[in-house]
C-alpha atoms as a PDB file:
ATOM      1  CA  MET A   1      16.636 -22.402   7.726  1.00  0.00           C
ATOM      2  CA  LYS A   2      14.878 -19.046   6.910  1.00  0.00           C
ATOM      3  CA  GLN A   3      12.463 -19.406   4.006  1.00  0.00           C
ATOM      4  CA  SER A   4      12.750 -17.078   1.116  1.00  0.00           C
ATOM      5  CA  PRO A   5      10.056 -14.383   0.561  1.00  0.00           C
ATOM      6  CA  ASP A   6       7.143 -15.012  -1.644  1.00  0.00           C
ATOM      7  CA  ILE A   7       6.245 -11.227  -2.129  1.00  0.00           C
ATOM      8  CA  LEU A   8       8.208  -8.096  -2.207  1.00  0.00           C
ATOM      9  CA  CYS A   9       6.757  -4.884  -0.743  1.00  0.00           C
ATOM     10  CA  ILE A  10       8.489  -1.773  -2.122  1.00  0.00           C
ATOM     11  CA  GLY A  11       7.946   1.753  -0.800  1.00  0.00           C
ATOM     12  CA  SER A  12       7.545   3.560   2.472  1.00  0.00           C
ATOM     13  CA  VAL A  13       8.720   2.033   5.879  1.00  0.00           C
ATOM     14  CA  LEU A  14       8.317   4.624   8.616  1.00  0.00           C
ATOM     15  CA  TRP A  15       6.960   5.605  11.925  1.00  0.00           C
ATOM     16  CA  ASP A  16       3.189   6.547  11.988  1.00  0.00           C
ATOM     17  CA  ILE A  17       2.248   9.082  14.609  1.00  0.00           C
ATOM     18  CA  ILE A  18      -1.486   8.981  14.867  1.00  0.00           C
ATOM     19  CA  GLY A  19      -3.747  11.111  17.098  1.00  0.00           C
ATOM     20  CA  ARG A  20      -7.272   9.920  17.625  1.00  0.00           C
ATOM     21  CA  THR A  21     -10.341  11.294  19.332  1.00  0.00           C
ATOM     22  CA  ASP A  22     -13.928  10.067  19.617  1.00  0.00           C
ATOM     23  CA  LEU A  23     -15.144  13.787  19.694  1.00  0.00           C
ATOM     24  CA  SER A  24     -15.842  15.861  16.731  1.00  0.00           C
ATOM     25  CA  MET A  25     -13.170  18.279  15.565  1.00  0.00           C
ATOM     26  CA  ALA A  26     -12.807  21.291  13.239  1.00  0.00           C
ATOM     27  CA  PRO A  27      -9.642  23.004  11.950  1.00  0.00           C
ATOM     28  CA  GLY A  28      -8.085  24.838  15.045  1.00  0.00           C
ATOM     29  CA  ASN A  29      -9.803  22.720  17.697  1.00  0.00           C
ATOM     30  CA  ASP A  30      -7.784  21.393  20.556  1.00  0.00           C
ATOM     31  CA  LYS A  31      -9.480  18.194  21.814  1.00  0.00           C
ATOM     32  CA  PRO A  32      -8.533  15.277  24.246  1.00  0.00           C
ATOM     33  CA  GLY A  33      -7.574  12.107  22.672  1.00  0.00           C
ATOM     34  CA  ARG A  34      -4.870   9.471  22.342  1.00  0.00           C
ATOM     35  CA  ILE A  35      -1.554   9.589  20.521  1.00  0.00           C
ATOM     36  CA  ALA A  36       0.434   6.581  19.321  1.00  0.00           C
ATOM     37  CA  ARG A  37       3.611   5.886  17.459  1.00  0.00           C
ATOM     38  CA  VAL A  38       3.428   2.694  15.509  1.00  0.00           C
ATOM     39  CA  PRO A  39       5.240   1.052  12.677  1.00  0.00           C
ATOM     40  CA  GLY A  40       3.625   2.286   9.327  1.00  0.00           C
ATOM     41  CA  GLY A  41       4.147   3.413   5.755  1.00  0.00           C
ATOM     42  CA  VAL A  42       2.168   1.823   2.873  1.00  0.00           C
ATOM     43  CA  ALA A  43       4.758  -0.913   2.049  1.00  0.00           C
ATOM     44  CA  LEU A  44       5.098  -1.831   5.799  1.00  0.00           C
ATOM     45  CA  ASN A  45       1.331  -1.914   6.411  1.00  0.00           C
ATOM     46  CA  ILE A  46       0.823  -4.108   3.420  1.00  0.00           C
ATOM     47  CA  ALA A  47       3.714  -6.358   4.670  1.00  0.00           C
ATOM     48  CA  ILE A  48       2.325  -6.612   8.245  1.00  0.00           C
ATOM     49  CA  THR A  49      -1.142  -7.776   6.920  1.00  0.00           C
ATOM     50  CA  LEU A  50       0.496 -10.265   4.415  1.00  0.00           C
ATOM     51  CA  LYS A  51       2.463 -11.825   7.206  1.00  0.00           C
ATOM     52  CA  ALA A  52      -0.727 -12.125   9.270  1.00  0.00           C
ATOM     53  CA  GLN A  53      -2.383 -13.742   6.269  1.00  0.00           C
ATOM     54  CA  GLY A  54       0.285 -16.506   6.034  1.00  0.00           C
ATOM     55  CA  MET A  55       2.617 -15.009   3.469  1.00  0.00           C
ATOM     56  CA  ARG A  56       6.317 -14.202   3.716  1.00  0.00           C
ATOM     57  CA  PRO A  57       6.783 -10.514   2.580  1.00  0.00           C
ATOM     58  CA  ALA A  58      10.252  -8.879   2.240  1.00  0.00           C
ATOM     59  CA  LEU A  59      10.617  -5.167   2.372  1.00  0.00           C
ATOM     60  CA  LEU A  60      12.646  -2.854  -0.021  1.00  0.00           C
ATOM     61  CA  SER A  61      12.840   0.531   1.380  1.00  0.00           C
ATOM     62  CA  VAL A  62      15.105   2.868   3.433  1.00  0.00           C
ATOM     63  CA  VAL A  63      15.544   3.828   7.022  1.00  0.00           C
ATOM     64  CA  GLY A  64      18.132   6.250   8.558  1.00  0.00           C
ATOM     65  CA  HIS A  65      21.077   5.136  10.512  1.00  0.00           C
ATOM     66  CA  ASP A  66      19.501   6.682  13.572  1.00  0.00           C
ATOM     67  CA  SER A  67      17.751   5.517  16.699  1.00  0.00           C
ATOM     68  CA  ALA A  68      14.284   5.678  14.931  1.00  0.00           C
ATOM     69  CA  GLY A  69      15.450   3.535  12.147  1.00  0.00           C
ATOM     70  CA  ALA A  70      17.083   0.876  14.387  1.00  0.00           C
ATOM     71  CA  ALA A  71      13.965   0.737  16.566  1.00  0.00           C
ATOM     72  CA  LEU A  72      11.758   0.376  13.504  1.00  0.00           C
ATOM     73  CA  LEU A  73      13.825  -2.395  12.133  1.00  0.00           C
ATOM     74  CA  ASP A  74      13.858  -4.074  15.478  1.00  0.00           C
ATOM     75  CA  GLU A  75      10.114  -3.873  15.535  1.00  0.00           C
ATOM     76  CA  CYS A  76       9.742  -5.212  12.119  1.00  0.00           C
ATOM     77  CA  GLY A  77      11.886  -8.141  13.102  1.00  0.00           C
ATOM     78  CA  ARG A  78       9.856  -8.848  16.108  1.00  0.00           C
ATOM     79  CA  MET A  79       6.780  -9.132  13.864  1.00  0.00           C
ATOM     80  CA  GLY A  80       8.587 -11.693  11.777  1.00  0.00           C
ATOM     81  CA  LEU A  81       9.101  -9.462   8.692  1.00  0.00           C
ATOM     82  CA  ASP A  82      12.177  -9.729   6.407  1.00  0.00           C
ATOM     83  CA  VAL A  83      13.997  -6.580   6.454  1.00  0.00           C
ATOM     84  CA  ALA A  84      17.439  -7.846   5.357  1.00  0.00           C
ATOM     85  CA  HIS A  85      17.186  -5.959   2.159  1.00  0.00           C
ATOM     86  CA  VAL A  86      16.215  -2.510   3.645  1.00  0.00           C
ATOM     87  CA  LEU A  87      18.717   0.172   2.858  1.00  0.00           C
ATOM     88  CA  VAL A  88      20.221   1.776   5.965  1.00  0.00           C
ATOM     89  CA  ASP A  89      21.583   5.266   5.047  1.00  0.00           C
ATOM     90  CA  HIS A  90      23.896   7.226   7.365  1.00  0.00           C
ATOM     91  CA  ALA A  91      23.051  10.460   5.665  1.00  0.00           C
ATOM     92  CA  LEU A  92      19.216  10.281   5.859  1.00  0.00           C
ATOM     93  CA  ALA A  93      16.619  10.388   8.681  1.00  0.00           C
ATOM     94  CA  THR A  94      14.006   7.829   9.160  1.00  0.00           C
ATOM     95  CA  ASP A  95      10.733   8.854   7.440  1.00  0.00           C
ATOM     96  CA  GLN A  96       7.520   9.506   9.382  1.00  0.00           C
ATOM     97  CA  TYR A  97       3.829  10.171   8.900  1.00  0.00           C
ATOM     98  CA  MET A  98       1.422  12.159  11.095  1.00  0.00           C
ATOM     99  CA  ALA A  99      -2.365  12.024  11.169  1.00  0.00           C
ATOM    100  CA  ILE A 100      -5.198  13.286  13.153  1.00  0.00           C
ATOM    101  CA  GLU A 101      -8.420  11.197  13.184  1.00  0.00           C
ATOM    102  CA  ALA A 102     -11.687  12.251  14.610  1.00  0.00           C
ATOM    103  CA  GLN A 103     -14.731   9.882  15.088  1.00  0.00           C
ATOM    104  CA  GLY A 104     -13.260   7.385  12.729  1.00  0.00           C
ATOM    105  CA  GLN A 105     -12.557   9.958   9.918  1.00  0.00           C
ATOM    106  CA  LEU A 106      -9.242  11.422   8.760  1.00  0.00           C
ATOM    107  CA  LEU A 107      -9.042  15.096   9.572  1.00  0.00           C
ATOM    108  CA  ALA A 108      -5.536  15.781   8.201  1.00  0.00           C
ATOM    109  CA  ALA A 109      -2.267  14.118   7.556  1.00  0.00           C
ATOM    110  CA  LEU A 110       1.360  14.765   6.507  1.00  0.00           C
ATOM    111  CA  ALA A 111       3.647  12.133   4.976  1.00  0.00           C
ATOM    112  CA  ASP A 112       7.378  12.803   5.400  1.00  0.00           C
ATOM    113  CA  ALA A 113       8.832  10.338   2.788  1.00  0.00           C
ATOM    114  CA  HIS A 114      11.716  12.496   1.997  1.00  0.00           C
ATOM    115  CA  SER A 115      14.470   9.911   2.609  1.00  0.00           C
ATOM    116  CA  LEU A 116      12.516   7.386   0.318  1.00  0.00           C
ATOM    117  CA  GLU A 117      12.497   9.885  -2.373  1.00  0.00           C
ATOM    118  CA  VAL A 118      16.274  10.798  -2.022  1.00  0.00           C
ATOM    119  CA  ALA A 119      17.231   7.117  -1.691  1.00  0.00           C
ATOM    120  CA  GLY A 120      15.470   6.488  -5.101  1.00  0.00           C
ATOM    121  CA  ALA A 121      16.552   3.501  -7.106  1.00  0.00           C
ATOM    122  CA  ARG A 122      19.176   2.449  -4.507  1.00  0.00           C
ATOM    123  CA  ILE A 123      16.443   0.579  -2.520  1.00  0.00           C
ATOM    124  CA  LEU A 124      16.060  -1.721  -5.684  1.00  0.00           C
ATOM    125  CA  ALA A 125      19.682  -2.881  -5.644  1.00  0.00           C
ATOM    126  CA  PRO A 126      18.759  -6.388  -4.402  1.00  0.00           C
ATOM    127  CA  LEU A 127      16.726  -6.793  -7.607  1.00  0.00           C
ATOM    128  CA  GLN A 128      19.797  -6.412  -9.704  1.00  0.00           C
ATOM    129  CA  ASP A 129      22.835  -7.841  -7.794  1.00  0.00           C
ATOM    130  CA  GLY A 130      21.476 -11.349  -7.163  1.00  0.00           C
ATOM    131  CA  ARG A 131      20.359 -11.030  -3.643  1.00  0.00           C
ATOM    132  CA  LEU A 132      16.693 -11.298  -4.706  1.00  0.00           C
ATOM    133  CA  ALA A 133      16.901 -11.140  -8.401  1.00  0.00           C
ATOM    134  CA  SER A 134      19.123 -10.183 -11.383  1.00  0.00           C
ATOM    135  CA  PRO A 135      18.800  -8.923 -15.025  1.00  0.00           C
ATOM    136  CA  GLY A 136      19.061 -12.484 -16.152  1.00  0.00           C
ATOM    137  CA  ALA A 137      16.670 -13.855 -13.564  1.00  0.00           C
ATOM    138  CA  PRO A 138      14.053 -11.095 -12.765  1.00  0.00           C
ATOM    139  CA  TRP A 139      11.689 -11.493  -9.794  1.00  0.00           C
ATOM    140  CA  PRO A 140       8.790 -13.857 -11.032  1.00  0.00           C
ATOM    141  CA  GLY A 141       6.299 -13.417  -8.357  1.00  0.00           C
ATOM    142  CA  PRO A 142       4.154 -10.630  -6.858  1.00  0.00           C
ATOM    143  CA  MET A 143       5.326  -7.169  -5.817  1.00  0.00           C
ATOM    144  CA  ALA A 144       3.448  -4.705  -3.809  1.00  0.00           C
ATOM    145  CA  ILE A 145       4.540  -1.135  -4.967  1.00  0.00           C
ATOM    146  CA  ASP A 146       3.410   2.095  -3.385  1.00  0.00           C
ATOM    147  CA  GLY A 147       3.048   5.559  -4.711  1.00  0.00           C
ATOM    148  CA  ASN A 148       5.408   7.100  -2.299  1.00  0.00           C
ATOM    149  CA  LEU A 149       8.180   6.397  -4.738  1.00  0.00           C
ATOM    150  CA  THR A 150       9.042   9.245  -6.979  1.00  0.00           C
ATOM    151  CA  PRO A 151       7.207   9.668 -10.327  1.00  0.00           C
ATOM    152  CA  ASP A 152      10.661   9.167 -12.107  1.00  0.00           C
ATOM    153  CA  LEU A 153      11.322   5.954 -10.203  1.00  0.00           C
ATOM    154  CA  LEU A 154       7.755   4.582 -10.853  1.00  0.00           C
ATOM    155  CA  ALA A 155       8.210   5.331 -14.605  1.00  0.00           C
ATOM    156  CA  GLN A 156      11.560   3.411 -14.512  1.00  0.00           C
ATOM    157  CA  ILE A 157       9.820   0.432 -12.793  1.00  0.00           C
ATOM    158  CA  ALA A 158       7.045   0.535 -15.341  1.00  0.00           C
ATOM    159  CA  ALA A 159       9.630   0.291 -18.199  1.00  0.00           C
ATOM    160  CA  SER A 160      12.255  -1.976 -16.688  1.00  0.00           C
ATOM    161  CA  PRO A 161      12.768  -5.597 -17.688  1.00  0.00           C
ATOM    162  CA  LEU A 162      13.717  -6.208 -14.047  1.00  0.00           C
ATOM    163  CA  PHE A 163       9.957  -5.992 -13.311  1.00  0.00           C
ATOM    164  CA  GLY A 164       8.683  -7.570 -16.520  1.00  0.00           C
ATOM    165  CA  SER A 165       8.053 -10.906 -15.117  1.00  0.00           C
ATOM    166  CA  ALA A 166       6.370  -9.824 -11.856  1.00  0.00           C
ATOM    167  CA  ASP A 167       2.831  -9.566 -10.809  1.00  0.00           C
ATOM    168  CA  LEU A 168       2.578  -5.878 -10.014  1.00  0.00           C
ATOM    169  CA  ARG A 169       0.125  -4.664  -7.233  1.00  0.00           C
ATOM    170  CA  LEU A 170      -0.087  -0.901  -7.061  1.00  0.00           C
ATOM    171  CA  ALA A 171      -1.215   1.364  -4.188  1.00  0.00           C
ATOM    172  CA  PRO A 172      -1.336   5.107  -4.810  1.00  0.00           C
ATOM    173  CA  ALA A 173      -0.528   5.872  -0.999  1.00  0.00           C
ATOM    174  CA  SER A 174      -2.863   8.916  -1.200  1.00  0.00           C
ATOM    175  CA  PRO A 175      -4.952  10.952  -3.539  1.00  0.00           C
ATOM    176  CA  GLY A 176      -2.136  13.440  -3.608  1.00  0.00           C
ATOM    177  CA  LYS A 177       0.193  10.967  -5.184  1.00  0.00           C
ATOM    178  CA  ALA A 178      -2.261   8.899  -7.224  1.00  0.00           C
ATOM    179  CA  GLU A 179      -1.204  10.377 -10.491  1.00  0.00           C
ATOM    180  CA  ARG A 180       2.213   8.975 -10.182  1.00  0.00           C
ATOM    181  CA  LEU A 181       0.771   5.571 -11.024  1.00  0.00           C
ATOM    182  CA  ARG A 182      -0.241   6.678 -14.633  1.00  0.00           C
ATOM    183  CA  ALA A 183       2.999   5.166 -15.869  1.00  0.00           C
ATOM    184  CA  PHE A 184       1.475   1.781 -15.325  1.00  0.00           C
ATOM    185  CA  LEU A 185      -1.609   2.395 -17.502  1.00  0.00           C
ATOM    186  CA  GLY A 186      -1.265  -0.117 -20.235  1.00  0.00           C
ATOM    187  CA  HIS A 187       1.254  -2.317 -18.321  1.00  0.00           C
ATOM    188  CA  PRO A 188       0.182  -5.997 -18.811  1.00  0.00           C
ATOM    189  CA  GLY A 189       1.196  -6.972 -15.377  1.00  0.00           C
ATOM    190  CA  ALA A 190      -0.285  -4.228 -13.250  1.00  0.00           C
ATOM    191  CA  THR A 191      -3.158  -4.438 -10.908  1.00  0.00           C
ATOM    192  CA  PHE A 192      -4.432  -1.052  -9.340  1.00  0.00           C
ATOM    193  CA  TYR A 193      -5.827  -0.698  -5.842  1.00  0.00           C
ATOM    194  CA  VAL A 194      -7.420   2.587  -5.502  1.00  0.00           C
ATOM    195  CA  ASN A 195     -10.437   4.427  -4.075  1.00  0.00           C
ATOM    196  CA  ALA A 196     -13.000   6.191  -6.316  1.00  0.00           C
ATOM    197  CA  GLU A 197     -11.214   9.598  -5.909  1.00  0.00           C
ATOM    198  CA  GLU A 198      -7.976   8.184  -6.891  1.00  0.00           C
ATOM    199  CA  ALA A 199      -9.402   6.392  -9.876  1.00  0.00           C
ATOM    200  CA  GLY A 200     -10.715   9.685 -11.211  1.00  0.00           C
ATOM    201  CA  LEU A 201      -7.350  11.397 -10.638  1.00  0.00           C
ATOM    202  CA  ILE A 202      -5.337   8.607 -12.518  1.00  0.00           C
ATOM    203  CA  SER A 203      -7.725   8.355 -15.408  1.00  0.00           C
ATOM    204  CA  ASP A 204      -8.306  12.166 -15.479  1.00  0.00           C
ATOM    205  CA  SER A 205     -11.973  11.525 -15.728  1.00  0.00           C
ATOM    206  CA  PRO A 206     -15.154  12.439 -13.615  1.00  0.00           C
ATOM    207  CA  VAL A 207     -15.814   9.545 -11.230  1.00  0.00           C
ATOM    208  CA  THR A 208     -18.802   9.324  -8.910  1.00  0.00           C
ATOM    209  CA  CYS A 209     -18.429   5.850  -7.523  1.00  0.00           C
ATOM    210  CA  ALA A 210     -16.262   2.608  -7.648  1.00  0.00           C
ATOM    211  CA  GLU A 211     -18.063   1.291 -10.741  1.00  0.00           C
ATOM    212  CA  SER A 212     -17.528   4.442 -12.731  1.00  0.00           C
ATOM    213  CA  GLY A 213     -13.999   4.653 -11.380  1.00  0.00           C
ATOM    214  CA  ALA A 214     -13.297   1.103 -12.538  1.00  0.00           C
ATOM    215  CA  GLY A 215     -14.711   1.881 -16.001  1.00  0.00           C
ATOM    216  CA  ALA A 216     -12.665   5.026 -16.273  1.00  0.00           C
ATOM    217  CA  LEU A 217      -9.418   3.285 -15.416  1.00  0.00           C
ATOM    218  CA  LEU A 218     -10.106   0.347 -17.777  1.00  0.00           C
ATOM    219  CA  SER A 219     -10.751   2.798 -20.622  1.00  0.00           C
ATOM    220  CA  ALA A 220      -7.513   4.642 -19.806  1.00  0.00           C
ATOM    221  CA  GLY A 221      -5.652   1.356 -20.308  1.00  0.00           C
ATOM    222  CA  ALA A 222      -5.488  -0.278 -17.001  1.00  0.00           C
ATOM    223  CA  ARG A 223      -5.418  -4.127 -17.232  1.00  0.00           C
ATOM    224  CA  ARG A 224      -7.169  -4.696 -13.806  1.00  0.00           C
ATOM    225  CA  VAL A 225      -8.471  -2.508 -11.097  1.00  0.00           C
ATOM    226  CA  LEU A 226      -9.970  -2.844  -7.648  1.00  0.00           C
ATOM    227  CA  VAL A 227     -11.861   0.208  -6.640  1.00  0.00           C
ATOM    228  CA  THR A 228     -13.320   0.933  -3.187  1.00  0.00           C
ATOM    229  CA  ASP A 229     -15.570   3.705  -2.051  1.00  0.00           C
ATOM    230  CA  GLY A 230     -15.823   3.841   1.693  1.00  0.00           C
ATOM    231  CA  GLY A 231     -18.869   1.962   2.899  1.00  0.00           C
ATOM    232  CA  ARG A 232     -20.299   1.749  -0.570  1.00  0.00           C
ATOM    233  CA  LEU A 233     -19.882  -0.867  -3.320  1.00  0.00           C
ATOM    234  CA  ALA A 234     -16.375  -2.056  -4.219  1.00  0.00           C
ATOM    235  CA  VAL A 235     -15.457  -3.357  -7.729  1.00  0.00           C
ATOM    236  CA  ASP A 236     -12.912  -5.809  -9.144  1.00  0.00           C
ATOM    237  CA  ALA A 237     -12.738  -5.081 -12.830  1.00  0.00           C
ATOM    238  CA  ARG A 238     -10.866  -6.281 -15.817  1.00  0.00           C
ATOM    239  CA  ALA A 239     -11.658  -6.459 -19.711  1.00  0.00           C
ATOM    240  CA  ASP A 240     -13.523  -9.734 -19.140  1.00  0.00           C
ATOM    241  CA  GLY A 241     -15.972  -8.487 -16.654  1.00  0.00           C
ATOM    242  CA  ALA A 242     -16.442  -6.957 -13.200  1.00  0.00           C
ATOM    243  CA  ILE A 243     -17.566  -8.133  -9.735  1.00  0.00           C
ATOM    244  CA  SER A 244     -19.094  -5.776  -7.372  1.00  0.00           C
ATOM    245  CA  LEU A 245     -19.725  -6.292  -3.625  1.00  0.00           C
ATOM    246  CA  SER A 246     -20.754  -4.174  -0.536  1.00  0.00           C
ATOM    247  CA  PRO A 247     -18.429  -4.101   2.361  1.00  0.00           C
ATOM    248  CA  PRO A 248     -19.697  -5.062   5.838  1.00  0.00           C
ATOM    249  CA  THR A 249     -21.219  -2.271   7.928  1.00  0.00           C
ATOM    250  CA  VAL A 250     -19.138  -1.295  10.801  1.00  0.00           C
ATOM    251  CA  HIS A 251     -18.675   1.615  13.207  1.00  0.00           C
ATOM    252  CA  PRO A 252     -15.452   3.322  12.137  1.00  0.00           C
ATOM    253  CA  ARG A 253     -12.754   3.826  14.955  1.00  0.00           C
ATOM    254  CA  ARG A 254      -9.713   4.437  12.624  1.00  0.00           C
ATOM    255  CA  VAL A 255      -9.028   4.943   8.985  1.00  0.00           C
ATOM    256  CA  THR A 256      -5.182   4.999   8.547  1.00  0.00           C
ATOM    257  CA  GLY A 257      -4.003   1.837   6.802  1.00  0.00           C
ATOM    258  CA  ALA A 258      -7.586   0.657   5.778  1.00  0.00           C
ATOM    259  CA  GLY A 259      -6.598   0.494   2.057  1.00  0.00           C
ATOM    260  CA  ASP A 260      -3.359  -1.226   2.707  1.00  0.00           C
ATOM    261  CA  SER A 261      -5.206  -3.876   4.642  1.00  0.00           C
ATOM    262  CA  PHE A 262      -7.751  -4.388   1.827  1.00  0.00           C
ATOM    263  CA  MET A 263      -5.007  -4.725  -0.769  1.00  0.00           C
ATOM    264  CA  ALA A 264      -2.829  -7.081   1.294  1.00  0.00           C
ATOM    265  CA  ALA A 265      -5.769  -9.313   2.234  1.00  0.00           C
ATOM    266  CA  HIS A 266      -6.793  -9.588  -1.376  1.00  0.00           C
ATOM    267  CA  ILE A 267      -3.334 -10.398  -2.520  1.00  0.00           C
ATOM    268  CA  ALA A 268      -3.138 -13.185   0.082  1.00  0.00           C
ATOM    269  CA  ALA A 269      -6.467 -14.571  -0.777  1.00  0.00           C
ATOM    270  CA  GLU A 270      -5.690 -14.924  -4.481  1.00  0.00           C
ATOM    271  CA  ALA A 271      -2.198 -16.360  -3.555  1.00  0.00           C
ATOM    272  CA  ARG A 272      -4.238 -19.081  -1.636  1.00  0.00           C
ATOM    273  CA  GLY A 273      -6.135 -19.718  -4.944  1.00  0.00           C
ATOM    274  CA  GLU A 274      -9.455 -18.060  -3.836  1.00  0.00           C
ATOM    275  CA  ALA A 275     -11.890 -17.153  -6.707  1.00  0.00           C
ATOM    276  CA  ARG A 276     -12.359 -13.383  -7.576  1.00  0.00           C
ATOM    277  CA  ALA A 277     -15.588 -13.018  -5.576  1.00  0.00           C
ATOM    278  CA  ALA A 278     -14.173 -14.731  -2.476  1.00  0.00           C
ATOM    279  CA  ALA A 279     -10.939 -12.817  -2.602  1.00  0.00           C
ATOM    280  CA  LEU A 280     -12.879  -9.560  -2.876  1.00  0.00           C
ATOM    281  CA  ALA A 281     -15.230 -10.456  -0.022  1.00  0.00           C
ATOM    282  CA  HIS A 282     -12.224 -11.441   2.133  1.00  0.00           C
ATOM    283  CA  ALA A 283     -10.392  -8.108   1.328  1.00  0.00           C
ATOM    284  CA  LEU A 284     -13.538  -6.197   2.207  1.00  0.00           C
ATOM    285  CA  ALA A 285     -13.941  -8.021   5.498  1.00  0.00           C
ATOM    286  CA  THR A 286     -10.329  -7.567   6.566  1.00  0.00           C
ATOM    287  CA  ALA A 287     -10.461  -3.827   5.876  1.00  0.00           C
ATOM    288  CA  ALA A 288     -13.810  -3.435   7.739  1.00  0.00           C
ATOM    289  CA  ALA A 289     -12.142  -5.162  10.729  1.00  0.00           C
ATOM    290  CA  HIS A 290      -9.363  -2.790  10.564  1.00  0.00           C
ATOM    291  CA  VAL A 291     -11.664   0.192  10.471  1.00  0.00           C
ATOM    292  CA  ALA A 292     -13.665  -1.111  13.464  1.00  0.00           C
ATOM    293  CA  GLY A 293     -10.419  -1.412  15.423  1.00  0.00           C
ATOM    294  CA  GLU A 294     -10.667  -5.110  15.682  1.00  0.00           C
ATOM    295  CA  SER A 295      -7.163  -5.861  14.509  1.00  0.00           C
ATOM    296  CA  GLU A 296      -5.587  -3.568  17.068  1.00  0.00           C
END
């Protein structure tokens, strides 16, 4: 008998097309490297790591009724992920993301989450029709929500009683979409997972490091924040105090998905009952292994 999910991952499920080279690059360069197409998207990346950490994530998203969507759902199924509630839309194409990384640093990226934005609130139907929850019995556990959802939909989620009993874990998806999460400032059930740049954008404050980013977000009304800053200090902060740790030192080979790995590993550690410091250390170690390419 299939077990029910213990966490929902809501947001982008798409194909990542990643080009990587160990050579230095500048705009306009044409260098040798490797190109891979792999399952990706913030919600899916989080679900993959959660599954590897022993949790049972279910995805709420959309794919097109096309060969790319069918292949993506098949691959998710092969990984043991619950895609039973992913919307398959005949009128939409499966989303995709394209990035170029050079020497372990992101040079440029484009996220085409058009279908997710068009599908909008339709991806949330299983939370209303009884398949996963209903207005009379809202989802009571954790949800990972990513900033690829539209600002309007994120604002609806922040105000909706359908999400009022959930432990909301928020990922901005990118600095370009970070401000979409402002709707959750002041939300009593929300935890933000951001980098220092994103913390400054959400709080509309000057931020120079993870610690100042955490302080700015708390002052702006956030209940709890986890702020990273590359290889520098990371912070888990809430009103009753903050914990700061340095991440392991590694030689970076890839960056796409590092923040998603950090967030998922932290959620899984807390679900196992680990204390704050241990959960933060585990999340940093998992993200470092990802950046070093050890989880490929």
